[in-house]
Amino acid sequence: MAIIHVRDVSESTLLTLKVRAARSGQSLQAYVRRLLEREAALLTPEETAEQARAIAARSSVTADEVTQIIAEMRQARE
């Protein structure tokens, strides 16, 4: 497993992360690792668009239909 060092984190940010980690019953390391893993699992808008184009190319669904569905999904989350 790789090691990451993060420098120049403000005291207030560090304190917030420590408190959140403690509240969730985790060490700071475990809490930050979970945050990073969640972030890495999220698709960027570019990755989402690329996947949508790939799906559209393999089916009879048009790019406009995929775009509409994505917009509807975003609205549903709000």
N, C-alpha and C. Protein backbone atom coordinates (compact mmCIF):
# COMPACT_ATOMS: atom_id res chain seq x y z
N MET A 1 0.85 -1.17 0.00
CA MET A 1 0.00 0.00 0.00
C MET A 1 0.89 1.23 0.00
N ALA A 2 0.48 2.25 -0.72
CA ALA A 2 1.25 3.48 -0.85
C ALA A 2 1.09 4.37 0.38
N ILE A 3 2.04 5.27 0.55
CA ILE A 3 2.02 6.23 1.65
C ILE A 3 1.92 7.63 1.05
N ILE A 4 1.03 8.44 1.63
CA ILE A 4 0.87 9.83 1.20
C ILE A 4 1.13 10.73 2.40
N HIS A 5 1.92 11.75 2.20
CA HIS A 5 2.16 12.76 3.24
C HIS A 5 1.51 14.05 2.75
N VAL A 6 0.73 14.68 3.61
CA VAL A 6 0.09 15.95 3.26
C VAL A 6 0.66 17.02 4.18
N ARG A 7 1.19 18.05 3.57
CA ARG A 7 1.82 19.12 4.34
C ARG A 7 0.97 20.39 4.29
N ASP A 8 1.26 21.27 5.19
CA ASP A 8 0.64 22.59 5.24
C ASP A 8 -0.88 22.53 5.40
N VAL A 9 -1.35 21.60 6.20
CA VAL A 9 -2.78 21.53 6.54
C VAL A 9 -3.00 22.50 7.69
N SER A 10 -3.99 23.35 7.57
CA SER A 10 -4.22 24.34 8.63
C SER A 10 -4.64 23.64 9.91
N GLU A 11 -4.38 24.29 11.02
CA GLU A 11 -4.74 23.74 12.32
C GLU A 11 -6.24 23.53 12.44
N SER A 12 -7.02 24.45 11.90
CA SER A 12 -8.48 24.31 11.99
C SER A 12 -8.97 23.12 11.17
N THR A 13 -8.37 22.89 10.01
CA THR A 13 -8.75 21.73 9.19
C THR A 13 -8.37 20.44 9.91
N LEU A 14 -7.18 20.40 10.46
CA LEU A 14 -6.73 19.22 11.18
C LEU A 14 -7.63 18.92 12.38
N LEU A 15 -7.97 19.95 13.11
CA LEU A 15 -8.85 19.77 14.27
C LEU A 15 -10.22 19.24 13.84
N THR A 16 -10.77 19.80 12.77
CA THR A 16 -12.07 19.35 12.27
C THR A 16 -12.01 17.88 11.88
N LEU A 17 -10.97 17.49 11.18
CA LEU A 17 -10.83 16.08 10.77
C LEU A 17 -10.66 15.16 11.97
N LYS A 18 -9.89 15.59 12.96
CA LYS A 18 -9.71 14.79 14.16
C LYS A 18 -11.02 14.58 14.91
N VAL A 19 -11.79 15.66 15.02
CA VAL A 19 -13.09 15.57 15.71
C VAL A 19 -14.03 14.64 14.95
N ARG A 20 -14.09 14.79 13.63
CA ARG A 20 -14.97 13.94 12.82
C ARG A 20 -14.54 12.48 12.90
N ALA A 21 -13.24 12.25 12.90
CA ALA A 21 -12.73 10.88 13.02
C ALA A 21 -13.14 10.28 14.36
N ALA A 22 -12.96 11.05 15.41
CA ALA A 22 -13.31 10.56 16.75
C ALA A 22 -14.81 10.28 16.85
N ARG A 23 -15.62 11.16 16.30
CA ARG A 23 -17.08 10.96 16.34
C ARG A 23 -17.50 9.71 15.58
N SER A 24 -16.75 9.36 14.55
CA SER A 24 -17.10 8.16 13.78
C SER A 24 -16.40 6.91 14.31
N GLY A 25 -15.65 7.08 15.42
CA GLY A 25 -14.99 5.95 16.04
C GLY A 25 -13.80 5.44 15.26
N GLN A 26 -13.15 6.33 14.50
CA GLN A 26 -12.02 5.94 13.67
C GLN A 26 -10.79 6.76 14.05
N SER A 27 -9.65 6.22 13.69
CA SER A 27 -8.42 7.00 13.82
C SER A 27 -8.44 8.06 12.72
N LEU A 28 -7.61 9.07 12.88
CA LEU A 28 -7.51 10.10 11.85
C LEU A 28 -7.07 9.47 10.53
N GLN A 29 -6.11 8.57 10.59
CA GLN A 29 -5.62 7.91 9.38
C GLN A 29 -6.74 7.14 8.67
N ALA A 30 -7.51 6.37 9.41
CA ALA A 30 -8.60 5.60 8.81
C ALA A 30 -9.65 6.52 8.22
N TYR A 31 -9.95 7.60 8.93
CA TYR A 31 -10.97 8.54 8.46
C TYR A 31 -10.54 9.22 7.16
N VAL A 32 -9.31 9.69 7.11
CA VAL A 32 -8.82 10.37 5.90
C VAL A 32 -8.70 9.37 4.75
N ARG A 33 -8.28 8.15 5.04
CA ARG A 33 -8.19 7.13 4.00
C ARG A 33 -9.58 6.87 3.40
N ARG A 34 -10.60 6.80 4.24
CA ARG A 34 -11.97 6.60 3.76
C ARG A 34 -12.41 7.76 2.89
N LEU A 35 -12.08 8.99 3.29
CA LEU A 35 -12.41 10.16 2.47
C LEU A 35 -11.75 10.07 1.10
N LEU A 36 -10.48 9.70 1.07
CA LEU A 36 -9.76 9.59 -0.19
C LEU A 36 -10.33 8.48 -1.07
N GLU A 37 -10.67 7.36 -0.46
CA GLU A 37 -11.25 6.25 -1.23
C GLU A 37 -12.59 6.63 -1.83
N ARG A 38 -13.40 7.34 -1.07
CA ARG A 38 -14.70 7.79 -1.60
C ARG A 38 -14.50 8.76 -2.76
N GLU A 39 -13.57 9.68 -2.61
CA GLU A 39 -13.29 10.65 -3.66
C GLU A 39 -12.80 9.95 -4.92
N ALA A 40 -11.92 8.98 -4.75
CA ALA A 40 -11.37 8.27 -5.91
C ALA A 40 -12.44 7.45 -6.62
N ALA A 41 -13.46 7.02 -5.89
CA ALA A 41 -14.53 6.21 -6.48
C ALA A 41 -15.51 7.04 -7.31
N LEU A 42 -15.55 8.35 -7.07
CA LEU A 42 -16.46 9.21 -7.81
C LEU A 42 -15.93 9.48 -9.21
N LEU A 43 -16.81 9.48 -10.17
CA LEU A 43 -16.42 9.82 -11.53
C LEU A 43 -16.40 11.33 -11.70
N THR A 44 -15.41 11.81 -12.45
CA THR A 44 -15.39 13.22 -12.80
C THR A 44 -16.43 13.45 -13.89
N PRO A 45 -16.83 14.70 -14.13
CA PRO A 45 -17.77 14.95 -15.24
C PRO A 45 -17.23 14.43 -16.58
N GLU A 46 -15.93 14.56 -16.78
CA GLU A 46 -15.34 14.08 -18.03
C GLU A 46 -15.44 12.56 -18.15
N GLU A 47 -15.17 11.87 -17.04
CA GLU A 47 -15.26 10.40 -17.04
C GLU A 47 -16.71 9.96 -17.26
N THR A 48 -17.65 10.67 -16.64
CA THR A 48 -19.06 10.35 -16.82
C THR A 48 -19.47 10.53 -18.28
N ALA A 49 -19.05 11.63 -18.87
CA ALA A 49 -19.38 11.88 -20.28
C ALA A 49 -18.77 10.82 -21.18
N GLU A 50 -17.54 10.43 -20.88
CA GLU A 50 -16.87 9.40 -21.68
C GLU A 50 -17.62 8.07 -21.59
N GLN A 51 -18.03 7.70 -20.40
CA GLN A 51 -18.80 6.47 -20.23
C GLN A 51 -20.14 6.57 -20.94
N ALA A 52 -20.78 7.72 -20.85
CA ALA A 52 -22.06 7.91 -21.53
C ALA A 52 -21.90 7.77 -23.04
N ARG A 53 -20.84 8.35 -23.60
CA ARG A 53 -20.60 8.21 -25.04
C ARG A 53 -20.35 6.76 -25.42
N ALA A 54 -19.61 6.04 -24.59
CA ALA A 54 -19.33 4.62 -24.87
C ALA A 54 -20.61 3.80 -24.83
N ILE A 55 -21.47 4.07 -23.88
CA ILE A 55 -22.75 3.37 -23.79
C ILE A 55 -23.61 3.69 -25.01
N ALA A 56 -23.67 4.96 -25.36
CA ALA A 56 -24.48 5.38 -26.49
C ALA A 56 -23.98 4.76 -27.80
N ALA A 57 -22.68 4.61 -27.93
CA ALA A 57 -22.11 4.04 -29.16
C ALA A 57 -22.46 2.56 -29.30
N ARG A 58 -22.70 1.89 -28.20
CA ARG A 58 -23.02 0.45 -28.23
C ARG A 58 -24.51 0.18 -28.32
N SER A 59 -25.34 1.20 -28.35
CA SER A 59 -26.78 0.98 -28.32
C SER A 59 -27.49 1.91 -29.29
N SER A 60 -28.78 1.78 -29.30
CA SER A 60 -29.58 2.65 -30.15
C SER A 60 -29.95 3.96 -29.45
N VAL A 61 -29.48 4.13 -28.24
CA VAL A 61 -29.75 5.34 -27.48
C VAL A 61 -28.87 6.46 -28.04
N THR A 62 -29.44 7.63 -28.19
CA THR A 62 -28.69 8.76 -28.73
C THR A 62 -27.95 9.48 -27.60
N ALA A 63 -26.96 10.24 -27.98
CA ALA A 63 -26.20 11.03 -27.00
C ALA A 63 -27.11 12.03 -26.30
N ASP A 64 -28.06 12.60 -27.02
CA ASP A 64 -29.01 13.54 -26.41
C ASP A 64 -29.85 12.86 -25.34
N GLU A 65 -30.25 11.61 -25.58
CA GLU A 65 -31.03 10.89 -24.59
C GLU A 65 -30.21 10.62 -23.33
N VAL A 66 -28.96 10.27 -23.52
CA VAL A 66 -28.07 10.03 -22.38
C VAL A 66 -27.88 11.32 -21.59
N THR A 67 -27.66 12.42 -22.30
CA THR A 67 -27.50 13.72 -21.64
C THR A 67 -28.73 14.08 -20.84
N GLN A 68 -29.90 13.82 -21.39
CA GLN A 68 -31.16 14.11 -20.70
C GLN A 68 -31.29 13.26 -19.43
N ILE A 69 -30.94 12.00 -19.52
CA ILE A 69 -31.03 11.12 -18.36
C ILE A 69 -30.07 11.58 -17.26
N ILE A 70 -28.87 11.96 -17.65
CA ILE A 70 -27.90 12.46 -16.67
C ILE A 70 -28.44 13.71 -15.98
N ALA A 71 -29.02 14.61 -16.75
CA ALA A 71 -29.60 15.84 -16.18
C ALA A 71 -30.71 15.50 -15.20
N GLU A 72 -31.55 14.54 -15.56
CA GLU A 72 -32.64 14.13 -14.67
C GLU A 72 -32.10 13.52 -13.38
N MET A 73 -31.05 12.73 -13.48
CA MET A 73 -30.44 12.13 -12.29
C MET A 73 -29.86 13.19 -11.38
N ARG A 74 -29.23 14.20 -11.97
CA ARG A 74 -28.67 15.29 -11.16
C ARG A 74 -29.77 16.05 -10.44
N GLN A 75 -30.88 16.32 -11.14
CA GLN A 75 -31.99 17.04 -10.52
C GLN A 75 -32.60 16.22 -9.37
N ALA A 76 -32.65 14.92 -9.55
CA ALA A 76 -33.23 14.06 -8.51
C ALA A 76 -32.38 14.09 -7.24
N ARG A 77 -31.06 14.29 -7.38
CA ARG A 77 -30.17 14.32 -6.22
C ARG A 77 -30.28 15.63 -5.46
N GLU A 78 -30.75 16.67 -6.10
CA GLU A 78 -30.80 17.99 -5.46
C GLU A 78 -31.95 18.12 -4.51
